[in-house]
Amino acid sequence: RVRDLSLRALKVERIEYGSLALWRAFYQPFDNRLIVAGLVLPEDLERFHWAMLDLEGLCVHVGQPECLPLMLLVYAHAPSSLCRSRVVQCMVELGVTPEWLLAEARFDASDFTRELLGGPKW
C-alpha cells in the first residue's frame, strides 16, 4: 500500500531529488529502470549535489548489480568524491565494476578510491 501511494505521489515520469529517499523504503527488483526513465536532475548545483547524495544512498542501500546504470551516473556526475567512492566500493563488492572505471578510478582524487583499487598513494 505504501509503495502504491509513493509511486503515485512520485509521478514516476518526474522523479526529483528528495523523493529518491522514498525508493529506499520500497525498492523492488528492477525499479532502477523506473528511476532511470523518470529521473530529473536539477540545474542548481546545490540541489544537484543533494540529488547525487540521494542517488548514491539508494544505490548503496539496494546493493544490487541491476543498479549499475545509476551507480555509473553518480560516478560520472557527482561533485563529491565521497559519493563517487561509495558507489565505486559498491560496484567492487558486487563484482560489476567496468574495466574502464577500474583503470580510471585508480587515479581518482579520493585517497580511499585509489587505495581500494590499488592505485598510487599521493
PDB file of N, CA and C in Angstrom:
ATOM      1  N   ARG A   1       0.819  -1.193   0.000  1.00  0.00           N
ATOM      2  CA  ARG A   1       0.000   0.000   0.000  1.00  0.00           C
ATOM      3  C   ARG A   1       0.865   1.261   0.000  1.00  0.00           C
ATOM      4  N   VAL A   2       1.910   1.259   0.813  1.00  0.00           N
ATOM      5  CA  VAL A   2       2.822   2.406   0.859  1.00  0.00           C
ATOM      6  C   VAL A   2       3.499   2.583  -0.488  1.00  0.00           C
ATOM      7  N   ARG A   3       3.914   1.473  -1.097  1.00  0.00           N
ATOM      8  CA  ARG A   3       4.566   1.546  -2.403  1.00  0.00           C
ATOM      9  C   ARG A   3       3.637   2.162  -3.444  1.00  0.00           C
ATOM     10  N   ASP A   4       2.400   1.720  -3.500  1.00  0.00           N
ATOM     11  CA  ASP A   4       1.453   2.253  -4.477  1.00  0.00           C
ATOM     12  C   ASP A   4       1.228   3.747  -4.274  1.00  0.00           C
ATOM     13  N   LEU A   5       1.057   4.142  -3.033  1.00  0.00           N
ATOM     14  CA  LEU A   5       0.866   5.549  -2.721  1.00  0.00           C
ATOM     15  C   LEU A   5       2.099   6.361  -3.110  1.00  0.00           C
ATOM     16  N   SER A   6       3.264   5.842  -2.783  1.00  0.00           N
ATOM     17  CA  SER A   6       4.506   6.546  -3.091  1.00  0.00           C
ATOM     18  C   SER A   6       4.715   6.672  -4.589  1.00  0.00           C
ATOM     19  N   LEU A   7       4.430   5.607  -5.335  1.00  0.00           N
ATOM     20  CA  LEU A   7       4.587   5.669  -6.788  1.00  0.00           C
ATOM     21  C   LEU A   7       3.659   6.720  -7.393  1.00  0.00           C
ATOM     22  N   ARG A   8       2.446   6.788  -6.901  1.00  0.00           N
ATOM     23  CA  ARG A   8       1.516   7.809  -7.412  1.00  0.00           C
ATOM     24  C   ARG A   8       2.007   9.205  -7.042  1.00  0.00           C
ATOM     25  N   ALA A   9       2.509   9.357  -5.823  1.00  0.00           N
ATOM     26  CA  ALA A   9       2.986  10.663  -5.371  1.00  0.00           C
ATOM     27  C   ALA A   9       4.246  11.092  -6.109  1.00  0.00           C
ATOM     28  N   LEU A  10       5.068  10.126  -6.471  1.00  0.00           N
ATOM     29  CA  LEU A  10       6.329  10.450  -7.137  1.00  0.00           C
ATOM     30  C   LEU A  10       6.146  10.824  -8.591  1.00  0.00           C
ATOM     31  N   LYS A  11       5.004  10.456  -9.171  1.00  0.00           N
ATOM     32  CA  LYS A  11       4.805  10.685 -10.596  1.00  0.00           C
ATOM     33  C   LYS A  11       6.020  10.142 -11.327  1.00  0.00           C
ATOM     34  N   VAL A  12       6.061   8.852 -11.479  1.00  0.00           N
ATOM     35  CA  VAL A  12       7.243   8.130 -11.939  1.00  0.00           C
ATOM     36  C   VAL A  12       7.926   8.795 -13.130  1.00  0.00           C
ATOM     37  N   GLU A  13       7.184   9.530 -13.937  1.00  0.00           N
ATOM     38  CA  GLU A  13       7.829  10.174 -15.079  1.00  0.00           C
ATOM     39  C   GLU A  13       8.645  11.405 -14.678  1.00  0.00           C
ATOM     40  N   ARG A  14       8.579  11.809 -13.418  1.00  0.00           N
ATOM     41  CA  ARG A  14       9.315  13.002 -12.974  1.00  0.00           C
ATOM     42  C   ARG A  14       9.811  12.803 -11.548  1.00  0.00           C
ATOM     43  N   ILE A  15      10.851  12.018 -11.400  1.00  0.00           N
ATOM     44  CA  ILE A  15      11.434  11.747 -10.094  1.00  0.00           C
ATOM     45  C   ILE A  15      12.485  12.810  -9.809  1.00  0.00           C
ATOM     46  N   GLU A  16      12.336  13.515  -8.713  1.00  0.00           N
ATOM     47  CA  GLU A  16      13.270  14.563  -8.362  1.00  0.00           C
ATOM     48  C   GLU A  16      13.999  14.206  -7.081  1.00  0.00           C
ATOM     49  N   TYR A  17      15.069  14.964  -6.799  1.00  0.00           N
ATOM     50  CA  TYR A  17      15.817  14.685  -5.584  1.00  0.00           C
ATOM     51  C   TYR A  17      14.899  14.876  -4.395  1.00  0.00           C
ATOM     52  N   GLY A  18      15.215  14.221  -3.328  1.00  0.00           N
ATOM     53  CA  GLY A  18      14.367  14.236  -2.140  1.00  0.00           C
ATOM     54  C   GLY A  18      13.395  13.074  -2.168  1.00  0.00           C
ATOM     55  N   SER A  19      12.782  12.846  -3.315  1.00  0.00           N
ATOM     56  CA  SER A  19      11.854  11.723  -3.428  1.00  0.00           C
ATOM     57  C   SER A  19      12.601  10.401  -3.583  1.00  0.00           C
ATOM     58  N   LEU A  20      13.882  10.466  -3.933  1.00  0.00           N
ATOM     59  CA  LEU A  20      14.657   9.233  -4.085  1.00  0.00           C
ATOM     60  C   LEU A  20      14.763   8.465  -2.776  1.00  0.00           C
ATOM     61  N   ALA A  21      14.735   9.177  -1.671  1.00  0.00           N
ATOM     62  CA  ALA A  21      14.817   8.509  -0.367  1.00  0.00           C
ATOM     63  C   ALA A  21      13.627   7.577  -0.155  1.00  0.00           C
ATOM     64  N   LEU A  22      12.480   7.917  -0.712  1.00  0.00           N
ATOM     65  CA  LEU A  22      11.310   7.051  -0.594  1.00  0.00           C
ATOM     66  C   LEU A  22      11.546   5.693  -1.257  1.00  0.00           C
ATOM     67  N   TRP A  23      12.320   5.689  -2.345  1.00  0.00           N
ATOM     68  CA  TRP A  23      12.576   4.435  -3.051  1.00  0.00           C
ATOM     69  C   TRP A  23      13.339   3.455  -2.173  1.00  0.00           C
ATOM     70  N   ARG A  24      14.123   3.967  -1.246  1.00  0.00           N
ATOM     71  CA  ARG A  24      14.867   3.067  -0.345  1.00  0.00           C
ATOM     72  C   ARG A  24      13.924   2.213   0.487  1.00  0.00           C
ATOM     73  N   ALA A  25      12.768   2.762   0.825  1.00  0.00           N
ATOM     74  CA  ALA A  25      11.828   2.061   1.697  1.00  0.00           C
ATOM     75  C   ALA A  25      11.075   0.944   0.982  1.00  0.00           C
ATOM     76  N   PHE A  26      10.883   1.082  -0.329  1.00  0.00           N
ATOM     77  CA  PHE A  26      10.046   0.093  -1.007  1.00  0.00           C
ATOM     78  C   PHE A  26      10.631  -0.401  -2.320  1.00  0.00           C
ATOM     79  N   TYR A  27      11.920  -0.253  -2.498  1.00  0.00           N
ATOM     80  CA  TYR A  27      12.557  -0.693  -3.748  1.00  0.00           C
ATOM     81  C   TYR A  27      12.270  -2.172  -4.000  1.00  0.00           C
ATOM     82  N   GLN A  28      11.907  -2.461  -5.231  1.00  0.00           N
ATOM     83  CA  GLN A  28      11.718  -3.842  -5.668  1.00  0.00           C
ATOM     84  C   GLN A  28      12.619  -4.089  -6.875  1.00  0.00           C
ATOM     85  N   PRO A  29      12.934  -5.354  -7.155  1.00  0.00           N
ATOM     86  CA  PRO A  29      13.839  -5.658  -8.271  1.00  0.00           C
ATOM     87  C   PRO A  29      13.459  -4.904  -9.556  1.00  0.00           C
ATOM     88  N   PHE A  30      14.465  -4.320 -10.130  1.00  0.00           N
ATOM     89  CA  PHE A  30      14.398  -3.614 -11.408  1.00  0.00           C
ATOM     90  C   PHE A  30      13.633  -2.295 -11.365  1.00  0.00           C
ATOM     91  N   ASP A  31      13.372  -1.761 -10.158  1.00  0.00           N
ATOM     92  CA  ASP A  31      12.836  -0.407 -10.057  1.00  0.00           C
ATOM     93  C   ASP A  31      13.836   0.605 -10.607  1.00  0.00           C
ATOM     94  N   ASN A  32      15.103   0.201 -10.700  1.00  0.00           N
ATOM     95  CA  ASN A  32      16.109   1.112 -11.256  1.00  0.00           C
ATOM     96  C   ASN A  32      15.693   1.594 -12.644  1.00  0.00           C
ATOM     97  N   ARG A  33      14.977   0.775 -13.386  1.00  0.00           N
ATOM     98  CA  ARG A  33      14.517   1.174 -14.732  1.00  0.00           C
ATOM     99  C   ARG A  33      13.530   2.330 -14.638  1.00  0.00           C
ATOM    100  N   LEU A  34      12.633   2.274 -13.653  1.00  0.00           N
ATOM    101  CA  LEU A  34      11.690   3.369 -13.450  1.00  0.00           C
ATOM    102  C   LEU A  34      12.426   4.646 -13.056  1.00  0.00           C
ATOM    103  N   ILE A  35      13.420   4.481 -12.210  1.00  0.00           N
ATOM    104  CA  ILE A  35      14.177   5.647 -11.742  1.00  0.00           C
ATOM    105  C   ILE A  35      14.954   6.273 -12.896  1.00  0.00           C
ATOM    106  N   VAL A  36      15.634   5.467 -13.693  1.00  0.00           N
ATOM    107  CA  VAL A  36      16.390   5.993 -14.835  1.00  0.00           C
ATOM    108  C   VAL A  36      15.452   6.705 -15.805  1.00  0.00           C
ATOM    109  N   ALA A  37      14.285   6.118 -16.056  1.00  0.00           N
ATOM    110  CA  ALA A  37      13.343   6.694 -17.013  1.00  0.00           C
ATOM    111  C   ALA A  37      12.755   8.021 -16.532  1.00  0.00           C
ATOM    112  N   GLY A  38      12.585   8.164 -15.222  1.00  0.00           N
ATOM    113  CA  GLY A  38      11.906   9.348 -14.726  1.00  0.00           C
ATOM    114  C   GLY A  38      12.764  10.361 -14.017  1.00  0.00           C
ATOM    115  N   LEU A  39      14.024  10.077 -13.822  1.00  0.00           N
ATOM    116  CA  LEU A  39      14.885  10.953 -13.032  1.00  0.00           C
ATOM    117  C   LEU A  39      15.093  12.301 -13.714  1.00  0.00           C
ATOM    118  N   VAL A  40      14.829  13.345 -12.975  1.00  0.00           N
ATOM    119  CA  VAL A  40      15.062  14.712 -13.440  1.00  0.00           C
ATOM    120  C   VAL A  40      16.074  15.322 -12.480  1.00  0.00           C
ATOM    121  N   LEU A  41      17.228  15.680 -12.998  1.00  0.00           N
ATOM    122  CA  LEU A  41      18.269  16.253 -12.152  1.00  0.00           C
ATOM    123  C   LEU A  41      18.203  17.777 -12.213  1.00  0.00           C
ATOM    124  N   PRO A  42      18.258  18.423 -11.054  1.00  0.00           N
ATOM    125  CA  PRO A  42      18.155  19.884 -11.016  1.00  0.00           C
ATOM    126  C   PRO A  42      19.384  20.561 -11.618  1.00  0.00           C
ATOM    127  N   GLU A  43      19.159  21.749 -12.147  1.00  0.00           N
ATOM    128  CA  GLU A  43      20.268  22.527 -12.710  1.00  0.00           C
ATOM    129  C   GLU A  43      21.062  23.251 -11.633  1.00  0.00           C
ATOM    130  N   ASP A  44      20.414  23.615 -10.549  1.00  0.00           N
ATOM    131  CA  ASP A  44      21.073  24.285  -9.442  1.00  0.00           C
ATOM    132  C   ASP A  44      22.117  23.349  -8.834  1.00  0.00           C
ATOM    133  N   LEU A  45      23.355  23.817  -8.713  1.00  0.00           N
ATOM    134  CA  LEU A  45      24.461  22.969  -8.273  1.00  0.00           C
ATOM    135  C   LEU A  45      24.242  22.364  -6.889  1.00  0.00           C
ATOM    136  N   GLU A  46      23.712  23.134  -5.956  1.00  0.00           N
ATOM    137  CA  GLU A  46      23.491  22.593  -4.608  1.00  0.00           C
ATOM    138  C   GLU A  46      22.411  21.511  -4.625  1.00  0.00           C
ATOM    139  N   ARG A  47      21.316  21.766  -5.311  1.00  0.00           N
ATOM    140  CA  ARG A  47      20.244  20.775  -5.417  1.00  0.00           C
ATOM    141  C   ARG A  47      20.739  19.534  -6.190  1.00  0.00           C
ATOM    142  N   PHE A  48      21.580  19.762  -7.196  1.00  0.00           N
ATOM    143  CA  PHE A  48      22.148  18.649  -7.958  1.00  0.00           C
ATOM    144  C   PHE A  48      22.983  17.754  -7.047  1.00  0.00           C
ATOM    145  N   HIS A  49      23.789  18.379  -6.185  1.00  0.00           N
ATOM    146  CA  HIS A  49      24.613  17.617  -5.260  1.00  0.00           C
ATOM    147  C   HIS A  49      23.737  16.785  -4.325  1.00  0.00           C
ATOM    148  N   TRP A  50      22.660  17.365  -3.816  1.00  0.00           N
ATOM    149  CA  TRP A  50      21.747  16.612  -2.955  1.00  0.00           C
ATOM    150  C   TRP A  50      21.133  15.442  -3.714  1.00  0.00           C
ATOM    151  N   ALA A  51      20.813  15.652  -4.986  1.00  0.00           N
ATOM    152  CA  ALA A  51      20.262  14.564  -5.802  1.00  0.00           C
ATOM    153  C   ALA A  51      21.273  13.431  -5.933  1.00  0.00           C
ATOM    154  N   MET A  52      22.542  13.776  -6.142  1.00  0.00           N
ATOM    155  CA  MET A  52      23.580  12.748  -6.256  1.00  0.00           C
ATOM    156  C   MET A  52      23.753  12.003  -4.932  1.00  0.00           C
ATOM    157  N   LEU A  53      23.664  12.732  -3.809  1.00  0.00           N
ATOM    158  CA  LEU A  53      23.739  12.079  -2.492  1.00  0.00           C
ATOM    159  C   LEU A  53      22.587  11.103  -2.301  1.00  0.00           C
ATOM    160  N   ASP A  54      21.390  11.534  -2.685  1.00  0.00           N
ATOM    161  CA  ASP A  54      20.221  10.654  -2.571  1.00  0.00           C
ATOM    162  C   ASP A  54      20.383   9.418  -3.454  1.00  0.00           C
ATOM    163  N   LEU A  55      20.854   9.630  -4.667  1.00  0.00           N
ATOM    164  CA  LEU A  55      21.014   8.525  -5.606  1.00  0.00           C
ATOM    165  C   LEU A  55      22.100   7.562  -5.144  1.00  0.00           C
ATOM    166  N   GLU A  56      23.187   8.103  -4.648  1.00  0.00           N
ATOM    167  CA  GLU A  56      24.265   7.263  -4.101  1.00  0.00           C
ATOM    168  C   GLU A  56      23.745   6.439  -2.933  1.00  0.00           C
ATOM    169  N   GLY A  57      23.004   7.077  -2.032  1.00  0.00           N
ATOM    170  CA  GLY A  57      22.453   6.372  -0.889  1.00  0.00           C
ATOM    171  C   GLY A  57      21.509   5.256  -1.297  1.00  0.00           C
ATOM    172  N   LEU A  58      20.712   5.504  -2.311  1.00  0.00           N
ATOM    173  CA  LEU A  58      19.802   4.480  -2.813  1.00  0.00           C
ATOM    174  C   LEU A  58      20.578   3.300  -3.380  1.00  0.00           C
ATOM    175  N   CYS A  59      21.581   3.576  -4.205  1.00  0.00           N
ATOM    176  CA  CYS A  59      22.377   2.505  -4.823  1.00  0.00           C
ATOM    177  C   CYS A  59      23.057   1.634  -3.775  1.00  0.00           C
ATOM    178  N   VAL A  60      23.667   2.268  -2.803  1.00  0.00           N
ATOM    179  CA  VAL A  60      24.383   1.529  -1.764  1.00  0.00           C
ATOM    180  C   VAL A  60      23.389   0.752  -0.893  1.00  0.00           C
ATOM    181  N   HIS A  61      22.260   1.354  -0.597  1.00  0.00           N
ATOM    182  CA  HIS A  61      21.243   0.685   0.221  1.00  0.00           C
ATOM    183  C   HIS A  61      20.692  -0.550  -0.496  1.00  0.00           C
ATOM    184  N   VAL A  62      20.365  -0.401  -1.771  1.00  0.00           N
ATOM    185  CA  VAL A  62      19.808  -1.519  -2.542  1.00  0.00           C
ATOM    186  C   VAL A  62      20.877  -2.588  -2.751  1.00  0.00           C
ATOM    187  N   GLY A  63      22.085  -2.159  -3.120  1.00  0.00           N
ATOM    188  CA  GLY A  63      23.218  -3.080  -3.258  1.00  0.00           C
ATOM    189  C   GLY A  63      22.988  -4.225  -4.227  1.00  0.00           C
ATOM    190  N   GLN A  64      22.421  -3.914  -5.392  1.00  0.00           N
ATOM    191  CA  GLN A  64      22.161  -4.935  -6.400  1.00  0.00           C
ATOM    192  C   GLN A  64      22.856  -4.574  -7.711  1.00  0.00           C
ATOM    193  N   PRO A  65      23.375  -5.576  -8.424  1.00  0.00           N
ATOM    194  CA  PRO A  65      24.043  -5.312  -9.699  1.00  0.00           C
ATOM    195  C   PRO A  65      23.183  -4.554 -10.705  1.00  0.00           C
ATOM    196  N   GLU A  66      21.872  -4.723 -10.634  1.00  0.00           N
ATOM    197  CA  GLU A  66      20.975  -4.053 -11.568  1.00  0.00           C
ATOM    198  C   GLU A  66      21.042  -2.526 -11.453  1.00  0.00           C
ATOM    199  N   CYS A  67      21.585  -2.022 -10.349  1.00  0.00           N
ATOM    200  CA  CYS A  67      21.689  -0.574 -10.138  1.00  0.00           C
ATOM    201  C   CYS A  67      22.946   0.013 -10.775  1.00  0.00           C
ATOM    202  N   LEU A  68      23.695  -0.785 -11.516  1.00  0.00           N
ATOM    203  CA  LEU A  68      24.922  -0.291 -12.131  1.00  0.00           C
ATOM    204  C   LEU A  68      24.707   0.989 -12.943  1.00  0.00           C
ATOM    205  N   PRO A  69      23.667   1.098 -13.779  1.00  0.00           N
ATOM    206  CA  PRO A  69      23.493   2.364 -14.514  1.00  0.00           C
ATOM    207  C   PRO A  69      23.356   3.572 -13.596  1.00  0.00           C
ATOM    208  N   LEU A  70      22.683   3.404 -12.463  1.00  0.00           N
ATOM    209  CA  LEU A  70      22.546   4.506 -11.511  1.00  0.00           C
ATOM    210  C   LEU A  70      23.882   4.813 -10.840  1.00  0.00           C
ATOM    211  N   MET A  71      24.640   3.763 -10.511  1.00  0.00           N
ATOM    212  CA  MET A  71      25.951   3.972  -9.897  1.00  0.00           C
ATOM    213  C   MET A  71      26.897   4.680 -10.864  1.00  0.00           C
ATOM    214  N   LEU A  72      26.826   4.327 -12.138  1.00  0.00           N
ATOM    215  CA  LEU A  72      27.674   4.984 -13.136  1.00  0.00           C
ATOM    216  C   LEU A  72      27.280   6.443 -13.309  1.00  0.00           C
ATOM    217  N   LEU A  73      26.006   6.735 -13.192  1.00  0.00           N
ATOM    218  CA  LEU A  73      25.546   8.121 -13.249  1.00  0.00           C
ATOM    219  C   LEU A  73      26.159   8.919 -12.105  1.00  0.00           C
ATOM    220  N   VAL A  74      26.130   8.350 -10.905  1.00  0.00           N
ATOM    221  CA  VAL A  74      26.723   9.025  -9.746  1.00  0.00           C
ATOM    222  C   VAL A  74      28.228   9.186  -9.955  1.00  0.00           C
ATOM    223  N   TYR A  75      28.892   8.123 -10.390  1.00  0.00           N
ATOM    224  CA  TYR A  75      30.343   8.191 -10.591  1.00  0.00           C
ATOM    225  C   TYR A  75      30.705   9.293 -11.587  1.00  0.00           C
ATOM    226  N   ALA A  76      29.959   9.385 -12.655  1.00  0.00           N
ATOM    227  CA  ALA A  76      30.286  10.330 -13.726  1.00  0.00           C
ATOM    228  C   ALA A  76      29.951  11.775 -13.379  1.00  0.00           C
ATOM    229  N   HIS A  77      28.942  11.992 -12.528  1.00  0.00           N
ATOM    230  CA  HIS A  77      28.447  13.359 -12.362  1.00  0.00           C
ATOM    231  C   HIS A  77      28.488  13.918 -10.945  1.00  0.00           C
ATOM    232  N   ALA A  78      28.704  13.090  -9.951  1.00  0.00           N
ATOM    233  CA  ALA A  78      28.684  13.604  -8.574  1.00  0.00           C
ATOM    234  C   ALA A  78      29.841  14.568  -8.337  1.00  0.00           C
ATOM    235  N   PRO A  79      29.556  15.733  -7.777  1.00  0.00           N
ATOM    236  CA  PRO A  79      30.633  16.680  -7.488  1.00  0.00           C
ATOM    237  C   PRO A  79      31.435  16.299  -6.243  1.00  0.00           C
ATOM    238  N   SER A  80      30.986  15.274  -5.531  1.00  0.00           N
ATOM    239  CA  SER A  80      31.628  14.871  -4.288  1.00  0.00           C
ATOM    240  C   SER A  80      32.429  13.586  -4.480  1.00  0.00           C
ATOM    241  N   SER A  81      33.682  13.599  -4.062  1.00  0.00           N
ATOM    242  CA  SER A  81      34.487  12.377  -4.158  1.00  0.00           C
ATOM    243  C   SER A  81      33.963  11.311  -3.206  1.00  0.00           C
ATOM    244  N   LEU A  82      33.296  11.710  -2.128  1.00  0.00           N
ATOM    245  CA  LEU A  82      32.716  10.746  -1.196  1.00  0.00           C
ATOM    246  C   LEU A  82      31.616   9.925  -1.882  1.00  0.00           C
ATOM    247  N   CYS A  83      30.747  10.586  -2.639  1.00  0.00           N
ATOM    248  CA  CYS A  83      29.699   9.866  -3.383  1.00  0.00           C
ATOM    249  C   CYS A  83      30.323   8.898  -4.380  1.00  0.00           C
ATOM    250  N   ARG A  84      31.314   9.380  -5.107  1.00  0.00           N
ATOM    251  CA  ARG A  84      31.976   8.515  -6.096  1.00  0.00           C
ATOM    252  C   ARG A  84      32.626   7.328  -5.407  1.00  0.00           C
ATOM    253  N   SER A  85      33.292   7.564  -4.302  1.00  0.00           N
ATOM    254  CA  SER A  85      33.967   6.484  -3.585  1.00  0.00           C
ATOM    255  C   SER A  85      32.987   5.410  -3.131  1.00  0.00           C
ATOM    256  N   ARG A  86      31.851   5.843  -2.626  1.00  0.00           N
ATOM    257  CA  ARG A  86      30.867   4.876  -2.125  1.00  0.00           C
ATOM    258  C   ARG A  86      30.294   4.010  -3.244  1.00  0.00           C
ATOM    259  N   VAL A  87      30.013   4.624  -4.400  1.00  0.00           N
ATOM    260  CA  VAL A  87      29.468   3.788  -5.480  1.00  0.00           C
ATOM    261  C   VAL A  87      30.542   2.901  -6.085  1.00  0.00           C
ATOM    262  N   VAL A  88      31.786   3.372  -6.121  1.00  0.00           N
ATOM    263  CA  VAL A  88      32.874   2.517  -6.607  1.00  0.00           C
ATOM    264  C   VAL A  88      33.030   1.319  -5.671  1.00  0.00           C
ATOM    265  N   GLN A  89      33.013   1.560  -4.378  1.00  0.00           N
ATOM    266  CA  GLN A  89      33.127   0.465  -3.422  1.00  0.00           C
ATOM    267  C   GLN A  89      31.972  -0.522  -3.603  1.00  0.00           C
ATOM    268  N   CYS A  90      30.778  -0.014  -3.803  1.00  0.00           N
ATOM    269  CA  CYS A  90      29.611  -0.878  -4.003  1.00  0.00           C
ATOM    270  C   CYS A  90      29.778  -1.714  -5.277  1.00  0.00           C
ATOM    271  N   MET A  91      30.228  -1.086  -6.373  1.00  0.00           N
ATOM    272  CA  MET A  91      30.447  -1.817  -7.620  1.00  0.00           C
ATOM    273  C   MET A  91      31.482  -2.921  -7.438  1.00  0.00           C
ATOM    274  N   VAL A  92      32.569  -2.592  -6.735  1.00  0.00           N
ATOM    275  CA  VAL A  92      33.633  -3.571  -6.498  1.00  0.00           C
ATOM    276  C   VAL A  92      33.084  -4.745  -5.680  1.00  0.00           C
ATOM    277  N   GLU A  93      32.364  -4.440  -4.615  1.00  0.00           N
ATOM    278  CA  GLU A  93      31.804  -5.502  -3.768  1.00  0.00           C
ATOM    279  C   GLU A  93      30.834  -6.391  -4.534  1.00  0.00           C
ATOM    280  N   LEU A  94      30.102  -5.810  -5.471  1.00  0.00           N
ATOM    281  CA  LEU A  94      29.146  -6.581  -6.270  1.00  0.00           C
ATOM    282  C   LEU A  94      29.793  -7.272  -7.463  1.00  0.00           C
ATOM    283  N   GLY A  95      31.043  -6.902  -7.759  1.00  0.00           N
ATOM    284  CA  GLY A  95      31.744  -7.501  -8.897  1.00  0.00           C
ATOM    285  C   GLY A  95      31.231  -7.028 -10.243  1.00  0.00           C
ATOM    286  N   VAL A  96      30.739  -5.782 -10.315  1.00  0.00           N
ATOM    287  CA  VAL A  96      30.173  -5.267 -11.568  1.00  0.00           C
ATOM    288  C   VAL A  96      30.918  -4.045 -12.103  1.00  0.00           C
ATOM    289  N   THR A  97      32.078  -3.753 -11.556  1.00  0.00           N
ATOM    290  CA  THR A  97      32.811  -2.557 -11.965  1.00  0.00           C
ATOM    291  C   THR A  97      33.352  -2.722 -13.375  1.00  0.00           C
ATOM    292  N   PRO A  98      32.985  -1.820 -14.288  1.00  0.00           N
ATOM    293  CA  PRO A  98      33.526  -1.907 -15.649  1.00  0.00           C
ATOM    294  C   PRO A  98      35.048  -1.741 -15.643  1.00  0.00           C
ATOM    295  N   GLU A  99      35.715  -2.413 -16.565  1.00  0.00           N
ATOM    296  CA  GLU A  99      37.181  -2.346 -16.646  1.00  0.00           C
ATOM    297  C   GLU A  99      37.673  -0.914 -16.826  1.00  0.00           C
ATOM    298  N   TRP A 100      36.993  -0.132 -17.661  1.00  0.00           N
ATOM    299  CA  TRP A 100      37.431   1.245 -17.897  1.00  0.00           C
ATOM    300  C   TRP A 100      37.401   2.047 -16.599  1.00  0.00           C
ATOM    301  N   LEU A 101      36.398   1.775 -15.748  1.00  0.00           N
ATOM    302  CA  LEU A 101      36.286   2.500 -14.492  1.00  0.00           C
ATOM    303  C   LEU A 101      37.375   2.066 -13.518  1.00  0.00           C
ATOM    304  N   LEU A 102      37.668   0.773 -13.494  1.00  0.00           N
ATOM    305  CA  LEU A 102      38.754   0.292 -12.632  1.00  0.00           C
ATOM    306  C   LEU A 102      40.061   0.986 -12.980  1.00  0.00           C
ATOM    307  N   ALA A 103      40.334   1.116 -14.268  1.00  0.00           N
ATOM    308  CA  ALA A 103      41.579   1.762 -14.706  1.00  0.00           C
ATOM    309  C   ALA A 103      41.575   3.249 -14.363  1.00  0.00           C
ATOM    310  N   GLU A 104      40.462   3.916 -14.610  1.00  0.00           N
ATOM    311  CA  GLU A 104      40.372   5.356 -14.373  1.00  0.00           C
ATOM    312  C   GLU A 104      40.380   5.700 -12.889  1.00  0.00           C
ATOM    313  N   ALA A 105      39.580   4.990 -12.101  1.00  0.00           N
ATOM    314  CA  ALA A 105      39.411   5.326 -10.684  1.00  0.00           C
ATOM    315  C   ALA A 105      40.657   5.039  -9.854  1.00  0.00           C
ATOM    316  N   ARG A 106      41.598   4.286 -10.389  1.00  0.00           N
ATOM    317  CA  ARG A 106      42.861   4.077  -9.665  1.00  0.00           C
ATOM    318  C   ARG A 106      43.594   5.397  -9.465  1.00  0.00           C
ATOM    319  N   PHE A 107      43.213   6.419 -10.237  1.00  0.00           N
ATOM    320  CA  PHE A 107      43.859   7.734 -10.157  1.00  0.00           C
ATOM    321  C   PHE A 107      42.871   8.808  -9.698  1.00  0.00           C
ATOM    322  N   ASP A 108      41.822   8.394  -9.006  1.00  0.00           N
ATOM    323  CA  ASP A 108      40.793   9.314  -8.508  1.00  0.00           C
ATOM    324  C   ASP A 108      41.402  10.293  -7.503  1.00  0.00           C
ATOM    325  N   ALA A 109      40.732  11.411  -7.308  1.00  0.00           N
ATOM    326  CA  ALA A 109      41.180  12.400  -6.323  1.00  0.00           C
ATOM    327  C   ALA A 109      41.047  11.877  -4.894  1.00  0.00           C
ATOM    328  N   SER A 110      40.173  10.915  -4.697  1.00  0.00           N
ATOM    329  CA  SER A 110      39.939  10.361  -3.367  1.00  0.00           C
ATOM    330  C   SER A 110      40.995   9.318  -3.009  1.00  0.00           C
ATOM    331  N   ASP A 111      41.652   9.521  -1.867  1.00  0.00           N
ATOM    332  CA  ASP A 111      42.616   8.523  -1.375  1.00  0.00           C
ATOM    333  C   ASP A 111      41.951   7.165  -1.207  1.00  0.00           C
ATOM    334  N   PHE A 112      40.726   7.166  -0.661  1.00  0.00           N
ATOM    335  CA  PHE A 112      40.009   5.919  -0.411  1.00  0.00           C
ATOM    336  C   PHE A 112      39.798   5.142  -1.713  1.00  0.00           C
ATOM    337  N   THR A 113      39.341   5.836  -2.746  1.00  0.00           N
ATOM    338  CA  THR A 113      39.069   5.168  -4.022  1.00  0.00           C
ATOM    339  C   THR A 113      40.354   4.621  -4.626  1.00  0.00           C
ATOM    340  N   ARG A 114      41.406   5.423  -4.605  1.00  0.00           N
ATOM    341  CA  ARG A 114      42.695   4.955  -5.151  1.00  0.00           C
ATOM    342  C   ARG A 114      43.183   3.721  -4.403  1.00  0.00           C
ATOM    343  N   GLU A 115      43.142   3.758  -3.082  1.00  0.00           N
ATOM    344  CA  GLU A 115      43.606   2.621  -2.281  1.00  0.00           C
ATOM    345  C   GLU A 115      42.727   1.391  -2.494  1.00  0.00           C
ATOM    346  N   LEU A 116      41.431   1.583  -2.631  1.00  0.00           N
ATOM    347  CA  LEU A 116      40.508   0.484  -2.871  1.00  0.00           C
ATOM    348  C   LEU A 116      40.871  -0.275  -4.144  1.00  0.00           C
ATOM    349  N   LEU A 117      41.354   0.452  -5.141  1.00  0.00           N
ATOM    350  CA  LEU A 117      41.656  -0.151  -6.433  1.00  0.00           C
ATOM    351  C   LEU A 117      43.149  -0.357  -6.668  1.00  0.00           C
ATOM    352  N   GLY A 118      43.944  -0.171  -5.640  1.00  0.00           N
ATOM    353  CA  GLY A 118      45.375  -0.413  -5.748  1.00  0.00           C
ATOM    354  C   GLY A 118      46.122   0.670  -6.505  1.00  0.00           C
ATOM    355  N   GLY A 119      45.575   1.869  -6.492  1.00  0.00           N
ATOM    356  CA  GLY A 119      46.224   2.972  -7.161  1.00  0.00           C
ATOM    357  C   GLY A 119      47.353   3.567  -6.341  1.00  0.00           C
ATOM    358  N   PRO A 120      47.996   4.592  -6.888  1.00  0.00           N
ATOM    359  CA  PRO A 120      49.128   5.211  -6.192  1.00  0.00           C
ATOM    360  C   PRO A 120      48.701   5.963  -4.942  1.00  0.00           C
ATOM    361  N   LYS A 121      49.600   5.994  -3.966  1.00  0.00           N
ATOM    362  CA  LYS A 121      49.370   6.786  -2.755  1.00  0.00           C
ATOM    363  C   LYS A 121      50.105   8.104  -2.938  1.00  0.00           C
ATOM    364  N   TRP A 122      49.372   9.192  -2.834  1.00  0.00           N
ATOM    365  CA  TRP A 122      49.967  10.504  -3.038  1.00  0.00           C
ATOM    366  C   TRP A 122      50.168  11.194  -1.730  1.00  0.00           C
TER     367      TRP A 122
END
